[in-house]
Amino acid sequence: MTNGIPPLEEGDFYLSNEGYKVFTKQYHIKRGYCCQSKCRHCPFGYDSKKN
């Protein structure tokens, strides 16, 4: 782990049609916290309307 960020491994992300890196649920769980950036696959249930 570098600077508190786990290294990327197979299955941690995919590229969107626009070419952006999209992190998967697997990566978010490995990271261990919610960044509150409205991530597409957030397993922590972040809702910007509630928080």
Protein backbone atom coordinates (compact mmCIF):
# COMPACT_ATOMS: atom_id res chain seq x y z
CA MET A 1 0.00 0.00 0.00
CA THR A 2 1.40 3.37 -1.01
CA ASN A 3 0.29 6.48 0.86
CA GLY A 4 -2.73 4.59 2.19
CA ILE A 5 -3.94 3.68 -1.31
CA PRO A 6 -3.91 0.00 -2.25
CA PRO A 7 -2.17 -0.89 -5.53
CA LEU A 8 -4.44 -1.63 -8.49
CA GLU A 9 -4.97 -5.26 -9.39
CA GLU A 10 -7.02 -7.09 -12.00
CA GLY A 11 -10.72 -6.49 -11.42
CA ASP A 12 -10.23 -3.20 -9.54
CA PHE A 13 -11.34 -1.03 -12.47
CA TYR A 14 -12.50 -0.94 -16.07
CA LEU A 15 -12.43 1.76 -18.73
CA SER A 16 -15.67 3.52 -19.60
CA ASN A 17 -16.68 4.16 -23.21
CA GLU A 18 -15.27 7.67 -22.77
CA GLY A 19 -11.91 6.27 -21.59
CA TYR A 20 -12.26 7.02 -17.87
CA LYS A 21 -11.07 4.58 -15.23
CA VAL A 22 -14.12 3.33 -13.27
CA PHE A 23 -13.36 1.67 -9.93
CA THR A 24 -15.30 -1.48 -9.08
CA LYS A 25 -16.96 -2.50 -5.83
CA GLN A 26 -13.97 -4.80 -5.26
CA TYR A 27 -11.58 -1.85 -5.22
CA HIS A 28 -13.77 0.32 -2.99
CA ILE A 29 -14.02 -2.46 -0.40
CA LYS A 30 -10.26 -2.99 -0.55
CA ARG A 31 -9.71 0.76 -0.06
CA GLY A 32 -11.97 0.59 2.99
CA TYR A 33 -13.74 3.94 3.05
CA CYS A 34 -16.14 6.14 1.10
CA CYS A 35 -14.64 9.18 -0.64
CA GLN A 36 -18.10 10.76 -1.09
CA SER A 37 -17.52 11.34 -4.82
CA LYS A 38 -20.72 9.61 -5.97
CA CYS A 39 -18.80 6.61 -7.33
CA ARG A 40 -20.78 4.39 -9.68
CA HIS A 41 -20.03 1.18 -7.72
CA CYS A 42 -19.87 2.52 -4.14
CA PRO A 43 -20.60 -0.30 -1.67
CA PHE A 44 -20.92 2.11 1.26
CA GLY A 45 -24.34 3.50 0.34
CA TYR A 46 -23.28 7.13 -0.02
CA ASP A 47 -26.20 9.37 -0.95
CA SER A 48 -25.36 13.03 -1.57
CA LYS A 49 -28.95 14.01 -0.77
CA LYS A 50 -28.71 12.50 2.73
CA ASN A 51 -25.11 13.46 3.55
